[in-house]
N, C-alpha and C. Protein backbone atom coordinates (compact mmCIF):
# COMPACT_ATOMS: atom_id res chain seq x y z
N UNK A 1 -131.95 -46.38 -31.39
CA UNK A 1 -131.45 -45.03 -31.77
C UNK A 1 -130.22 -45.15 -32.35
N UNK A 2 -130.32 -44.23 -32.54
CA UNK A 2 -129.07 -43.95 -34.07
C UNK A 2 -127.72 -44.08 -32.83
N UNK A 3 -126.63 -44.14 -34.20
CA UNK A 3 -125.45 -44.60 -33.52
C UNK A 3 -124.42 -43.21 -34.37
N UNK A 4 -123.84 -42.40 -33.19
CA UNK A 4 -123.34 -41.13 -33.69
C UNK A 4 -122.01 -42.04 -33.29
N UNK A 5 -120.76 -40.98 -33.92
CA UNK A 5 -119.40 -41.16 -33.75
C UNK A 5 -118.44 -39.92 -33.52
N UNK A 6 -118.31 -39.66 -32.59
CA UNK A 6 -117.64 -38.45 -31.85
C UNK A 6 -116.05 -38.12 -31.99
N UNK A 7 -115.36 -37.50 -32.25
CA UNK A 7 -113.92 -37.81 -32.13
C UNK A 7 -113.43 -36.28 -30.37
N UNK A 8 -113.32 -36.62 -29.92
CA UNK A 8 -112.97 -35.84 -28.29
C UNK A 8 -110.90 -35.99 -28.47
N UNK A 9 -110.20 -35.05 -28.99
CA UNK A 9 -109.01 -34.79 -29.06
C UNK A 9 -108.11 -34.78 -27.28
N UNK A 10 -108.92 -34.23 -26.75
CA UNK A 10 -108.34 -34.21 -25.36
C UNK A 10 -109.17 -34.66 -24.50
N UNK A 11 -109.32 -35.81 -24.56
CA UNK A 11 -110.63 -36.51 -23.82
C UNK A 11 -109.12 -36.75 -22.98
N UNK A 12 -110.24 -37.05 -21.17
CA UNK A 12 -109.65 -37.93 -20.70
C UNK A 12 -109.88 -38.84 -19.77
N UNK A 13 -110.82 -39.75 -19.94
CA UNK A 13 -110.78 -40.83 -19.97
C UNK A 13 -111.98 -41.05 -19.29
N UNK A 14 -112.57 -40.25 -18.92
CA UNK A 14 -113.87 -40.28 -18.17
C UNK A 14 -115.17 -40.77 -18.56
N UNK A 15 -116.01 -40.86 -18.03
CA UNK A 15 -117.58 -41.16 -19.29
C UNK A 15 -117.97 -40.22 -19.80
N UNK A 16 -118.39 -40.91 -21.18
CA UNK A 16 -119.22 -38.76 -21.84
C UNK A 16 -120.29 -39.73 -21.59
N UNK A 17 -121.73 -38.93 -21.23
CA UNK A 17 -122.96 -39.10 -21.21
C UNK A 17 -122.95 -38.41 -22.20
N UNK A 18 -124.58 -39.03 -22.82
CA UNK A 18 -125.31 -38.06 -23.96
C UNK A 18 -126.56 -38.82 -24.24
N UNK A 19 -127.80 -38.18 -23.65
CA UNK A 19 -129.36 -37.80 -23.63
C UNK A 19 -129.99 -37.71 -24.55
N UNK A 20 -130.91 -38.04 -24.58
CA UNK A 20 -131.66 -37.58 -25.97
C UNK A 20 -132.96 -36.91 -24.59
N UNK A 21 -133.73 -35.51 -25.33
CA UNK A 21 -135.47 -36.40 -25.18
C UNK A 21 -135.08 -34.63 -24.92
N UNK A 22 -137.20 -33.95 -24.70
CA UNK A 22 -137.79 -32.77 -24.74
C UNK A 22 -136.55 -32.31 -24.02
N UNK A 23 -136.45 -30.66 -23.77
CA UNK A 23 -136.21 -29.28 -23.07
C UNK A 23 -137.99 -29.15 -22.15
N UNK A 24 -137.32 -29.07 -21.20
CA UNK A 24 -138.62 -28.19 -20.29
C UNK A 24 -138.74 -26.91 -20.86
N UNK A 25 -139.96 -27.06 -21.26
CA UNK A 25 -140.86 -25.68 -21.64
C UNK A 25 -139.66 -24.56 -21.10
N UNK A 26 -140.06 -23.33 -21.72
CA UNK A 26 -139.29 -21.83 -21.39
C UNK A 26 -139.99 -21.21 -20.67
N UNK A 27 -139.22 -21.35 -19.48
CA UNK A 27 -139.61 -19.81 -18.44
C UNK A 27 -139.67 -18.56 -18.43
N UNK A 28 -140.73 -17.34 -18.84
CA UNK A 28 -140.28 -15.81 -19.54
C UNK A 28 -139.70 -15.34 -18.56
N UNK A 29 -138.85 -14.69 -18.25
CA UNK A 29 -138.76 -14.12 -16.72
C UNK A 29 -139.42 -12.77 -16.48
N UNK A 30 -139.97 -12.65 -15.11
CA UNK A 30 -140.91 -11.67 -15.57
C UNK A 30 -139.88 -9.69 -15.51
N UNK A 31 -140.24 -9.17 -15.37
CA UNK A 31 -139.80 -7.38 -15.94
C UNK A 31 -139.73 -6.99 -14.12
N UNK A 32 -138.66 -6.80 -13.68
CA UNK A 32 -138.36 -6.22 -11.84
C UNK A 32 -138.83 -4.67 -12.56
N UNK A 33 -139.65 -3.50 -11.72
CA UNK A 33 -140.19 -2.75 -11.76
C UNK A 33 -140.03 -1.74 -10.37
N UNK A 34 -139.42 -1.39 -9.53
CA UNK A 34 -139.79 -0.88 -8.44
C UNK A 34 -140.05 0.87 -8.07
N UNK A 35 -140.79 0.97 -8.08
CA UNK A 35 -141.36 2.47 -7.74
C UNK A 35 -141.39 2.81 -6.08
N UNK A 36 -140.62 3.66 -5.69
CA UNK A 36 -140.88 4.02 -3.94
C UNK A 36 -139.96 5.47 -3.88
N UNK A 37 -139.65 6.03 -2.82
CA UNK A 37 -138.98 6.64 -1.85
C UNK A 37 -137.52 7.50 -3.30
N UNK A 38 -136.62 8.68 -2.76
CA UNK A 38 -136.31 9.47 -3.23
C UNK A 38 -134.81 8.47 -2.76
N UNK A 39 -135.42 7.66 -2.06
CA UNK A 39 -134.16 6.64 -1.41
C UNK A 39 -134.39 4.61 -1.94
N UNK A 40 -135.03 4.34 -2.82
CA UNK A 40 -135.17 3.71 -3.67
C UNK A 40 -134.47 3.27 -4.39
N UNK A 41 -134.01 3.91 -5.56
CA UNK A 41 -132.70 3.82 -5.60
C UNK A 41 -131.60 3.32 -5.77
N UNK A 42 -130.44 4.36 -4.46
CA UNK A 42 -129.36 3.65 -3.78
C UNK A 42 -129.96 2.70 -3.14
N UNK A 43 -131.25 2.36 -2.79
CA UNK A 43 -131.61 0.75 -1.23
C UNK A 43 -130.89 0.12 -2.53
N UNK A 44 -131.70 0.00 -4.18
CA UNK A 44 -131.44 -1.09 -4.28
C UNK A 44 -130.42 -1.51 -4.78
N UNK A 45 -129.54 -0.75 -5.70
CA UNK A 45 -127.91 -0.79 -6.10
C UNK A 45 -127.44 -0.95 -4.87
N UNK A 46 -127.41 -1.07 -3.40
CA UNK A 46 -126.90 -1.15 -2.78
C UNK A 46 -126.63 -2.33 -2.69
N UNK A 47 -128.22 -3.33 -2.37
CA UNK A 47 -128.83 -4.58 -2.52
C UNK A 47 -128.16 -4.98 -3.29
N UNK A 48 -128.79 -4.75 -4.78
CA UNK A 48 -127.92 -5.34 -5.72
C UNK A 48 -126.05 -5.46 -5.86
N UNK A 49 -125.25 -4.85 -5.24
CA UNK A 49 -123.71 -4.66 -5.08
C UNK A 49 -123.72 -5.71 -4.23
N UNK A 50 -124.30 -5.64 -2.82
CA UNK A 50 -124.28 -6.73 -2.39
C UNK A 50 -124.47 -7.76 -1.70
N UNK A 51 -125.87 -8.18 -2.15
CA UNK A 51 -126.47 -9.87 -2.42
C UNK A 51 -126.32 -10.02 -4.02
N UNK A 52 -126.47 -9.50 -4.85
CA UNK A 52 -126.34 -10.47 -5.98
C UNK A 52 -125.41 -11.38 -5.48
N UNK A 53 -125.62 -12.47 -7.00
CA UNK A 53 -125.23 -13.21 -7.42
C UNK A 53 -124.64 -12.72 -8.88
N UNK A 54 -123.27 -13.43 -9.51
CA UNK A 54 -122.66 -12.93 -10.09
C UNK A 54 -123.35 -12.73 -11.54
N UNK A 55 -124.57 -14.09 -11.90
CA UNK A 55 -125.49 -13.30 -13.20
C UNK A 55 -126.18 -11.80 -12.69
N UNK A 56 -126.34 -11.35 -11.94
CA UNK A 56 -127.22 -9.83 -11.36
C UNK A 56 -126.54 -8.60 -12.06
N UNK A 57 -125.05 -9.55 -12.10
CA UNK A 57 -124.10 -7.91 -11.96
C UNK A 57 -124.42 -6.59 -13.11
N UNK A 58 -124.60 -5.52 -12.07
CA UNK A 58 -124.72 -4.64 -13.32
C UNK A 58 -123.69 -3.37 -14.06
N UNK A 59 -123.77 -3.72 -15.35
CA UNK A 59 -123.70 -3.40 -16.83
C UNK A 59 -123.56 -1.63 -16.52
N UNK A 60 -122.39 -1.19 -16.09
CA UNK A 60 -122.91 0.22 -15.72
C UNK A 60 -123.18 0.56 -17.75
N UNK A 61 -122.40 0.19 -18.84
CA UNK A 61 -122.57 0.78 -20.11
C UNK A 61 -123.83 0.52 -20.05
N UNK A 62 -124.51 -0.21 -19.79
CA UNK A 62 -125.72 -0.23 -20.40
C UNK A 62 -126.96 1.05 -18.99
N UNK A 63 -126.89 1.26 -18.13
CA UNK A 63 -126.80 2.20 -17.86
C UNK A 63 -127.87 3.45 -18.38
N UNK A 64 -129.12 3.95 -17.78
CA UNK A 64 -129.54 5.52 -18.56
C UNK A 64 -130.35 5.11 -16.72
N UNK A 65 -130.15 6.98 -16.26
CA UNK A 65 -130.64 7.25 -15.53
C UNK A 65 -131.75 8.71 -15.69
N UNK A 66 -132.70 8.99 -15.87
CA UNK A 66 -133.25 9.35 -16.40
C UNK A 66 -134.55 10.43 -14.85
N UNK A 67 -133.96 11.87 -15.73
CA UNK A 67 -134.43 12.60 -14.53
C UNK A 67 -135.36 13.82 -15.50
N UNK A 68 -136.52 13.74 -14.06
CA UNK A 68 -137.94 14.75 -14.74
C UNK A 68 -137.92 15.55 -13.77
N UNK A 69 -137.46 16.46 -14.16
CA UNK A 69 -137.89 18.06 -13.10
C UNK A 69 -139.12 18.55 -12.81
N UNK A 70 -139.50 18.07 -14.22
CA UNK A 70 -140.90 19.08 -14.06
C UNK A 70 -141.69 17.54 -12.81
N UNK A 71 -142.15 16.62 -12.67
CA UNK A 71 -142.76 15.92 -11.42
C UNK A 71 -141.77 15.31 -10.79
N UNK A 72 -139.67 15.83 -10.41
CA UNK A 72 -139.23 16.08 -8.89
C UNK A 72 -139.34 13.89 -9.48
N UNK A 73 -138.66 13.42 -10.33
CA UNK A 73 -138.96 11.89 -10.27
C UNK A 73 -137.55 11.61 -11.28
N UNK A 74 -137.16 10.55 -10.83
CA UNK A 74 -135.94 10.12 -11.22
C UNK A 74 -136.21 8.55 -11.25
N UNK A 75 -135.55 8.10 -12.77
CA UNK A 75 -135.31 7.37 -13.44
C UNK A 75 -134.38 6.19 -13.53
N UNK A 76 -134.02 4.86 -13.33
CA UNK A 76 -132.63 3.74 -13.70
C UNK A 76 -133.13 2.96 -13.91
N UNK A 77 -132.63 3.03 -15.74
CA UNK A 77 -132.99 1.83 -16.20
C UNK A 77 -131.48 0.46 -16.04
N UNK A 78 -131.72 -0.75 -15.73
CA UNK A 78 -130.41 -1.08 -15.82
C UNK A 78 -130.24 -1.60 -16.93
N UNK A 79 -130.82 -1.96 -17.82
CA UNK A 79 -130.57 -2.58 -19.45
C UNK A 79 -131.97 -2.02 -20.23
N UNK A 80 -131.91 -1.09 -20.48
CA UNK A 80 -133.59 -0.48 -21.52
C UNK A 80 -133.58 -1.26 -22.74
N UNK A 81 -132.70 -1.42 -23.17
CA UNK A 81 -133.11 -2.27 -24.53
C UNK A 81 -133.36 -3.64 -24.36
N UNK A 82 -133.62 -4.55 -23.40
CA UNK A 82 -133.97 -5.42 -23.14
C UNK A 82 -135.06 -5.31 -22.16
N UNK A 83 -136.34 -6.20 -23.27
CA UNK A 83 -137.26 -6.39 -22.12
C UNK A 83 -137.82 -6.25 -20.86
N UNK A 84 -136.82 -7.02 -20.32
CA UNK A 84 -136.89 -7.84 -18.85
C UNK A 84 -135.44 -6.96 -18.02
N UNK A 85 -135.07 -6.16 -18.75
CA UNK A 85 -134.27 -5.11 -17.77
C UNK A 85 -134.96 -4.71 -16.91
N UNK A 86 -134.33 -4.59 -15.71
CA UNK A 86 -135.11 -3.76 -14.19
C UNK A 86 -135.39 -2.85 -13.98
N UNK A 87 -136.18 -1.53 -13.30
CA UNK A 87 -136.67 -0.46 -13.64
C UNK A 87 -136.51 -0.28 -12.33
N UNK A 88 -136.07 1.14 -11.39
CA UNK A 88 -136.38 1.72 -10.39
C UNK A 88 -136.65 3.32 -10.41
N UNK A 89 -138.02 3.41 -10.14
CA UNK A 89 -139.12 5.00 -10.25
C UNK A 89 -138.10 5.45 -8.87
N UNK A 90 -138.01 6.67 -8.95
CA UNK A 90 -138.21 7.49 -7.48
C UNK A 90 -138.88 8.65 -7.96
N UNK A 91 -139.95 8.79 -6.99
CA UNK A 91 -141.10 9.52 -7.40
C UNK A 91 -140.95 10.64 -5.97
N UNK A 92 -141.82 11.34 -6.33
CA UNK A 92 -141.17 12.72 -4.70
C UNK A 92 -142.40 12.83 -3.70
N UNK A 93 -142.40 12.90 -2.65
CA UNK A 93 -142.84 13.14 -1.38
C UNK A 93 -144.15 13.81 -1.66
N UNK A 94 -145.22 13.77 -0.69
CA UNK A 94 -145.91 14.61 -1.08
C UNK A 94 -145.07 16.30 -0.90
N UNK A 95 -145.92 16.57 -1.48
CA UNK A 95 -145.55 18.80 -1.36
C UNK A 95 -145.79 19.54 -0.11
N UNK A 96 -145.34 20.19 0.51
CA UNK A 96 -145.58 20.79 1.73
C UNK A 96 -144.62 19.99 2.78
N UNK A 97 -144.57 18.62 3.37
CA UNK A 97 -143.58 17.45 3.89
C UNK A 97 -142.59 18.57 4.34
N UNK A 98 -142.06 18.05 5.69
CA UNK A 98 -140.71 18.42 5.65
C UNK A 98 -139.63 17.31 4.66
N UNK A 99 -140.26 15.91 4.56
CA UNK A 99 -139.47 15.41 3.87
C UNK A 99 -139.32 15.42 2.39
N UNK A 100 -141.12 16.38 2.16
CA UNK A 100 -140.43 17.03 0.69
C UNK A 100 -139.46 17.41 -0.12
N UNK A 101 -139.26 18.84 0.90
CA UNK A 101 -138.40 19.55 0.92
C UNK A 101 -136.90 18.52 1.18
N UNK A 102 -136.76 17.93 1.44
CA UNK A 102 -135.21 17.63 1.96
C UNK A 102 -135.19 16.56 0.18
N UNK A 103 -135.98 16.25 -0.04
CA UNK A 103 -136.05 15.48 -1.10
C UNK A 103 -135.81 15.72 -2.67
N UNK A 104 -136.98 17.01 -2.72
CA UNK A 104 -136.39 18.39 -3.99
C UNK A 104 -134.96 18.85 -3.02
N UNK A 105 -134.24 18.22 -2.18
CA UNK A 105 -132.49 19.79 -2.10
C UNK A 105 -132.32 18.30 -2.61
N UNK A 106 -132.28 16.94 -2.14
CA UNK A 106 -131.40 15.73 -2.81
C UNK A 106 -131.01 15.69 -4.55
N UNK A 107 -131.93 15.97 -4.85
CA UNK A 107 -132.78 15.90 -6.84
C UNK A 107 -132.33 16.84 -7.23
N UNK A 108 -132.21 17.89 -6.55
CA UNK A 108 -130.81 19.08 -7.10
C UNK A 108 -129.95 18.66 -7.75
N UNK A 109 -129.62 18.10 -6.18
CA UNK A 109 -127.98 18.09 -6.23
C UNK A 109 -127.59 16.57 -7.56
N UNK A 110 -128.13 15.57 -7.87
CA UNK A 110 -128.07 15.11 -8.75
C UNK A 110 -128.10 15.47 -10.19
C-alpha cells in the first residue's frame, strides 16, 4: 500500500477513513415518459410537487410546453436538454364524446 500525506488545517480530531478499490458499475437512468388524458400534466405536476424528494424538484427555467392544436395534444418537457429528462404528453379524448368536447374547451384556455 502506498503512503500519502494529507494536510487538514481545520481537522476536528475525528478519524478519517480512506478507502480504495473499484467503484460500482454506473447505473443508466430510465427516461420517464408519460402519455395520458388532458389531466395527466396537472396530475404529474401535483404529485411531483407534493411527494417528490428535493432532488426531483422542477426547475421552471428549463420547462418547455408544446401545444399541438392540430392534434389537440400538449407536451410538457421538464428538461429537454437532458436525454433522461421527464416528459408528459396529454392526448385528446375520442372525438364525439362529452369528455372530448370538455377537453377541447380546456385546451383552448391554455
